Protein backbone atom coordinates (compact mmCIF):
# COMPACT_ATOMS: atom_id res chain seq x y z
CA UNK A 1 -216.85 9.71 23.95
CA UNK A 2 -218.61 6.37 23.43
CA UNK A 3 -219.95 6.45 27.00
CA UNK A 4 -221.42 9.94 26.52
CA UNK A 5 -222.98 8.90 23.22
CA UNK A 6 -224.53 5.81 24.85
CA UNK A 7 -226.04 7.90 27.65
CA UNK A 8 -227.49 10.42 25.18
CA UNK A 9 -228.95 7.64 23.03
CA UNK A 10 -230.53 6.05 26.10
CA UNK A 11 -232.32 9.28 26.99
CA UNK A 12 -233.68 9.53 23.44
CA UNK A 13 -234.68 5.94 22.73
CA UNK A 14 -236.67 5.20 25.90
CA UNK A 15 -239.17 8.11 25.52
CA UNK A 16 -239.56 7.28 21.82
CA UNK A 17 -240.35 3.63 22.59
CA UNK A 18 -242.83 4.63 25.31
CA UNK A 19 -244.58 7.04 22.94
CA UNK A 20 -244.83 4.34 20.29
CA UNK A 21 -246.29 1.90 22.81
CA UNK A 22 -248.93 4.42 23.94
CA UNK A 23 -249.94 5.13 20.34
CA UNK A 24 -250.24 1.44 19.52
CA UNK A 25 -252.32 0.75 22.65
CA UNK A 26 -254.52 3.70 21.70
CA UNK A 27 -255.28 2.08 18.36
CA UNK A 28 -253.61 4.77 16.28
CA UNK A 29 -252.68 3.34 12.87
CA UNK A 30 -248.98 3.98 12.29
CA UNK A 31 -247.32 3.66 8.89
CA UNK A 32 -245.21 0.53 8.63
CA UNK A 33 -242.05 2.50 7.69
CA UNK A 34 -242.40 4.57 10.87
CA UNK A 35 -242.67 1.47 13.07
CA UNK A 36 -239.78 -0.25 11.30
CA UNK A 37 -237.58 2.85 11.54
CA UNK A 38 -238.39 3.34 15.23
CA UNK A 39 -237.68 -0.27 16.13
CA UNK A 40 -234.46 -0.18 14.10
CA UNK A 41 -233.30 2.89 16.02
CA UNK A 42 -234.18 1.27 19.35
CA UNK A 43 -232.36 -1.92 18.35
CA UNK A 44 -229.32 0.15 17.40
CA UNK A 45 -229.39 1.94 20.73
CA UNK A 46 -229.64 -1.36 22.62
CA UNK A 47 -226.69 -2.69 20.65
CA UNK A 48 -224.68 0.45 21.48
CA UNK A 49 -225.58 0.09 25.17
CA UNK A 50 -224.55 -3.57 25.14
CA UNK A 51 -221.19 -2.85 23.48
CA UNK A 52 -220.48 0.04 25.86
CA UNK A 53 -221.47 -2.01 28.90
CA UNK A 54 -219.25 -4.88 27.78
CA UNK A 55 -216.26 -2.58 27.32
CA UNK A 56 -216.80 -1.08 30.77
CA UNK A 57 -217.17 -4.56 32.24
CA UNK A 58 -213.97 -5.78 30.55
CA UNK A 59 -212.07 -2.72 31.79
CA UNK A 60 -213.25 -3.29 35.36
CA UNK A 61 -212.32 -6.97 35.20
CA UNK A 62 -208.89 -6.04 33.86
CA UNK A 63 -208.45 -3.76 36.87
CA UNK A 64 -208.98 -6.73 39.20
CA UNK A 65 -212.68 -6.44 40.09
CA UNK A 66 -214.71 -9.63 40.50
CA UNK A 67 -217.69 -10.29 38.23
CA UNK A 68 -220.34 -8.79 40.45
CA UNK A 69 -218.30 -5.67 41.21
CA UNK A 70 -217.40 -5.26 37.52
CA UNK A 71 -221.07 -5.54 36.53
CA UNK A 72 -222.09 -3.02 39.17
CA UNK A 73 -219.37 -0.59 38.11
CA UNK A 74 -220.46 -0.93 34.47
CA UNK A 75 -224.06 -0.07 35.28
CA UNK A 76 -223.00 2.81 37.53
CA UNK A 77 -220.86 4.28 34.75
CA UNK A 78 -223.44 3.80 31.99
CA UNK A 79 -226.60 4.91 33.82
CA UNK A 80 -226.48 8.30 35.61
CA UNK A 81 -227.02 8.13 39.35
CA UNK A 82 -230.23 10.21 39.21
CA UNK A 83 -231.75 7.82 36.67
CA UNK A 84 -230.77 4.83 38.81
CA UNK A 85 -232.29 6.48 41.87
CA UNK A 86 -235.57 7.24 40.10
CA UNK A 87 -235.79 3.66 38.85
CA UNK A 88 -235.02 2.40 42.35
CA UNK A 89 -237.82 4.57 43.77
CA UNK A 90 -240.29 3.12 41.27
CA UNK A 91 -239.31 -0.49 41.94
CA UNK A 92 -239.29 -0.06 45.72
CA UNK A 93 -242.65 1.69 45.56
CA UNK A 94 -244.24 -1.18 43.62
CA UNK A 95 -242.65 -3.70 46.00
CA UNK A 96 -244.13 -1.72 48.91
CA UNK A 97 -247.62 -2.17 47.44
CA UNK A 98 -247.21 -5.95 47.65
CA UNK A 99 -245.87 -5.66 51.21
CA UNK A 100 -248.83 -3.45 52.12
CA UNK A 101 -251.33 -5.99 50.78
CA UNK A 102 -249.50 -8.78 52.65
CA UNK A 103 -249.37 -6.63 55.82
CA UNK A 104 -245.63 -7.00 56.06
CA UNK A 105 -242.88 -4.47 56.76
CA UNK A 106 -239.53 -4.01 55.11
CA UNK A 107 -236.26 -3.95 57.03
CA UNK A 108 -237.56 -4.76 60.52
CA UNK A 109 -235.37 -7.65 61.77
CA UNK A 110 -236.27 -10.03 64.63
CA UNK A 111 -235.83 -8.09 67.85
CA UNK A 112 -236.03 -4.77 66.00
CA UNK A 113 -238.64 -2.17 66.89
CA UNK A 114 -240.62 -0.43 64.16
CA UNK A 115 -241.43 3.24 64.73
CA UNK A 116 -244.14 4.39 62.28
CA UNK A 117 -244.38 7.93 60.93
CA UNK A 118 -247.20 7.68 58.35
CA UNK A 119 -250.23 8.39 60.55
CA UNK A 120 -249.86 12.16 60.34
CA UNK A 121 -250.17 12.19 56.56
CA UNK A 122 -252.53 9.23 55.98
CA UNK A 123 -255.75 11.29 55.99
CA UNK A 124 -254.32 13.78 53.52
CA UNK A 125 -253.12 10.99 51.23
CA UNK A 126 -256.51 9.24 51.28
CA UNK A 127 -258.30 12.47 50.41
CA UNK A 128 -255.82 13.13 47.63
CA UNK A 129 -256.30 9.62 46.22
CA UNK A 130 -260.08 10.00 46.27
CA UNK A 131 -259.83 13.31 44.41
CA UNK A 132 -257.45 11.79 41.86
CA UNK A 133 -259.81 8.87 41.15
CA UNK A 134 -262.79 11.21 40.75
CA UNK A 135 -260.73 13.49 38.52
CA UNK A 136 -259.60 10.54 36.34
CA UNK A 137 -263.16 9.36 35.79
CA UNK A 138 -264.46 12.88 35.23
CA UNK A 139 -261.79 13.83 32.70
CA UNK A 140 -262.25 10.61 30.74
CA UNK A 141 -266.04 11.15 30.55
CA UNK A 142 -265.51 14.76 29.52
CA UNK A 143 -263.06 13.82 26.75
CA UNK A 144 -265.50 11.16 25.53
CA UNK A 145 -268.36 13.66 25.49
CA UNK A 146 -266.21 16.11 23.48
CA UNK A 147 -265.40 13.31 21.00
CA UNK A 148 -261.66 13.73 21.60
CA UNK A 149 -259.51 11.31 19.53
CA UNK A 150 -258.92 7.95 21.18
CA UNK A 151 -255.14 8.45 21.17
CA UNK A 152 -255.47 11.57 23.32
CA UNK A 153 -258.01 9.94 25.65
CA UNK A 154 -255.86 6.86 26.22
CA UNK A 155 -252.72 8.95 26.76
CA UNK A 156 -254.45 11.12 29.37
CA UNK A 157 -255.97 8.04 31.02
CA UNK A 158 -252.60 6.28 31.22
CA UNK A 159 -251.01 9.35 32.81
CA UNK A 160 -253.85 9.69 35.32
CA UNK A 161 -253.72 6.00 36.23
CA UNK A 162 -249.96 6.21 36.67
CA UNK A 163 -250.45 9.18 39.01
CA UNK A 164 -252.86 7.12 41.11
CA UNK A 165 -250.42 4.20 41.17
CA UNK A 166 -247.62 6.57 42.19
CA UNK A 167 -249.70 7.95 45.07
CA UNK A 168 -250.62 4.44 46.24
CA UNK A 169 -246.99 3.33 46.07
CA UNK A 170 -245.93 6.42 48.04
CA UNK A 171 -248.47 5.72 50.79
CA UNK A 172 -247.55 2.02 50.88
CA UNK A 173 -243.82 2.78 51.12
CA UNK A 174 -244.35 5.10 54.09
CA UNK A 175 -246.39 2.43 55.90
CA UNK A 176 -244.18 -0.58 55.13
CA UNK A 177 -240.82 1.17 55.60
CA UNK A 178 -240.96 2.65 59.14
CA UNK A 179 -238.08 3.92 61.21
CA UNK A 180 -236.35 0.99 62.92
CA UNK A 181 -234.53 0.72 66.25
CA UNK A 182 -232.21 -2.23 66.92
CA UNK A 183 -229.40 -2.87 69.38
CA UNK A 184 -226.91 -1.81 66.71
CA UNK A 185 -228.50 1.17 64.98
CA UNK A 186 -231.26 3.67 64.45
CA UNK A 187 -232.62 3.58 60.92
CA UNK A 188 -234.34 6.80 59.82
CA UNK A 189 -236.43 6.47 56.66
CA UNK A 190 -238.96 8.20 54.50
CA UNK A 191 -240.80 5.81 52.21
CA UNK A 192 -238.70 4.52 49.33
CA UNK A 193 -236.85 7.82 49.04
CA UNK A 194 -234.56 8.05 52.05
CA UNK A 195 -232.75 5.58 54.30
CA UNK A 196 -230.15 6.56 56.90
CA UNK A 197 -228.49 4.11 59.29
CA UNK A 198 -227.04 5.67 62.46
CA UNK A 199 -224.82 3.43 64.64
CA UNK A 200 -226.01 3.63 68.22
CA UNK A 201 -222.51 4.26 69.53
CA UNK A 202 -222.55 7.62 67.70
CA UNK A 203 -225.76 8.77 69.39
CA UNK A 204 -225.05 11.04 72.34
CA UNK A 205 -228.58 12.26 73.08
CA UNK A 206 -232.17 11.84 71.99
CA UNK A 207 -234.97 14.21 72.92
CA UNK A 208 -238.51 15.01 71.91
CA UNK A 209 -238.67 18.49 70.41
CA UNK A 210 -241.53 19.52 68.14
CA UNK A 211 -241.02 21.76 65.15
CA UNK A 212 -243.93 22.62 62.84
CA UNK A 213 -242.01 24.74 60.34
CA UNK A 214 -239.56 22.41 58.61
CA UNK A 215 -238.42 23.37 55.12
CA UNK A 216 -239.03 20.53 52.68
CA UNK A 217 -239.28 16.84 53.46
CA UNK A 218 -235.57 15.99 53.44
CA UNK A 219 -233.45 19.04 54.14
CA UNK A 220 -229.87 19.65 55.25
CA UNK A 221 -228.69 22.98 56.61
CA UNK A 222 -225.91 23.91 59.01
CA UNK A 223 -224.93 20.29 59.62
CA UNK A 224 -228.47 19.33 60.59
CA UNK A 225 -230.64 16.85 58.70
CA UNK A 226 -234.42 17.16 58.84
CA UNK A 227 -236.71 14.35 57.69
CA UNK A 228 -240.15 15.89 58.03
CA UNK A 229 -243.72 14.66 57.65
CA UNK A 230 -246.20 17.41 56.91
CA UNK A 231 -243.51 20.03 57.70
CA UNK A 232 -243.14 18.53 61.19
CA UNK A 233 -240.38 16.86 63.17
CA UNK A 234 -240.58 15.81 66.81
CA UNK A 235 -237.36 13.88 67.57
CA UNK A 236 -233.83 15.31 67.72
CA UNK A 237 -230.80 13.01 67.69
CA UNK A 238 -227.38 14.48 68.47
CA UNK A 239 -224.27 12.66 67.24
CA UNK A 240 -220.78 12.29 68.66
CA UNK A 241 -219.19 12.50 65.20
CA UNK A 242 -220.30 13.59 61.73
CA UNK A 243 -221.96 11.04 59.45
CA UNK A 244 -222.49 11.13 55.70
CA UNK A 245 -226.06 11.40 54.45
CA UNK A 246 -227.08 10.42 50.92
CA UNK A 247 -229.95 12.55 49.69
CA UNK A 248 -232.70 10.99 47.52
CA UNK A 249 -231.05 11.80 44.17
CA UNK A 250 -227.53 10.85 45.27
CA UNK A 251 -226.02 14.08 46.63
CA UNK A 252 -224.01 13.61 49.82
CA UNK A 253 -223.93 15.80 52.93
CA UNK A 254 -222.24 15.62 56.33
CA UNK A 255 -224.38 16.17 59.43
CA UNK A 256 -223.94 16.08 63.19
CA UNK A 257 -227.62 16.07 64.22
CA UNK A 258 -230.79 14.56 62.84
CA UNK A 259 -234.39 15.69 63.26
CA UNK A 260 -237.25 13.45 62.17
CA UNK A 261 -240.91 12.71 62.79
CA UNK A 262 -242.38 9.67 64.57
CA UNK A 263 -246.01 8.92 65.37
CA UNK A 264 -245.00 7.97 68.92
CA UNK A 265 -241.65 9.66 69.62
CA UNK A 266 -241.50 8.50 73.24
CA UNK A 267 -241.51 4.88 72.03
CA UNK A 268 -237.99 5.18 70.61
CA UNK A 269 -236.21 4.52 73.94
CA UNK A 270 -232.83 4.69 72.22
CA UNK A 271 -230.81 5.00 75.39
CA UNK A 272 -231.98 1.78 77.01
CA UNK A 273 -229.41 -0.48 75.33
C-alpha cells in the first residue's frame, strides 16, 4: 500500500513542480500561500519517497543483498520500469550530444568494428531540425505580435526548445552509438533506445537482404526482430538458439532471427572470426 501511494505521489508532484518552475521563469507573480503550499506538498512527497526507499532497502538487505544490489532493487521497486527507461533515454541522449561534439563513439572497444546506420536518415533529420528552428522563431514572433501573455510565450518557447534538443540528442545518439562487431559478439543498436548483444557462437548465418517495408522501428513478430531505419533493413542474422530481446520500454520477447539496417552491410564480415 505504501509503495503504491509513493508511486502515485511521485507522478503528481513532479509535474506540479515543473509547472511551478515554468511559471516562475515566465515572471508570473504567484501568491505566497500557493508557493508555500506547493513546496510543502513536494517536500512531503520527497519525505514519503525517502521513507519508502529506506524500507525497501532495509528489506533487501535483510534478505541478504549487498548494498549496491539492495539500492538497485529499491529503485527498481519504487520507480516503474517505463519511467526508468524514459529517464535513461533522456540521460543517454544528452550524453550522446557531448560525445558527438567530441567526435567520440560509445561502446566501441579496442579491436571492435563500428558499423554505422545513421546515414540513411541524416538528411531527413537535418531538414526536420531546420524546420523546427524556423517554426520556434516564427511562433515566438507571432505570439509577441499578438501580445500573448509572457507566461504562455515562455511555456511554448520552452516546449519548442526541448523538442529541438530532443531531435539533436536523437541524431547524436544514432551517430555515436553504432552497431559494433567484436570477436565475442554482434551488438545491434538504435540510438539510446535499443541495445542487443548477440554472442557470435549463436550466429549461424548472416546475409544481405533488403526490405523496404518494415513495420515500425523496433518490431518483433513471429520470432523475428526488426530494427529498421526509415522502414528499411538490409542485414539478416539467423541464430542457433532463441535469445531474449528487451524492447525500449522494458517488454521482453524471444527471437530466433534479427533483421537490421547498416550503412555498409557488406562491412560486417561476421563469419571471419
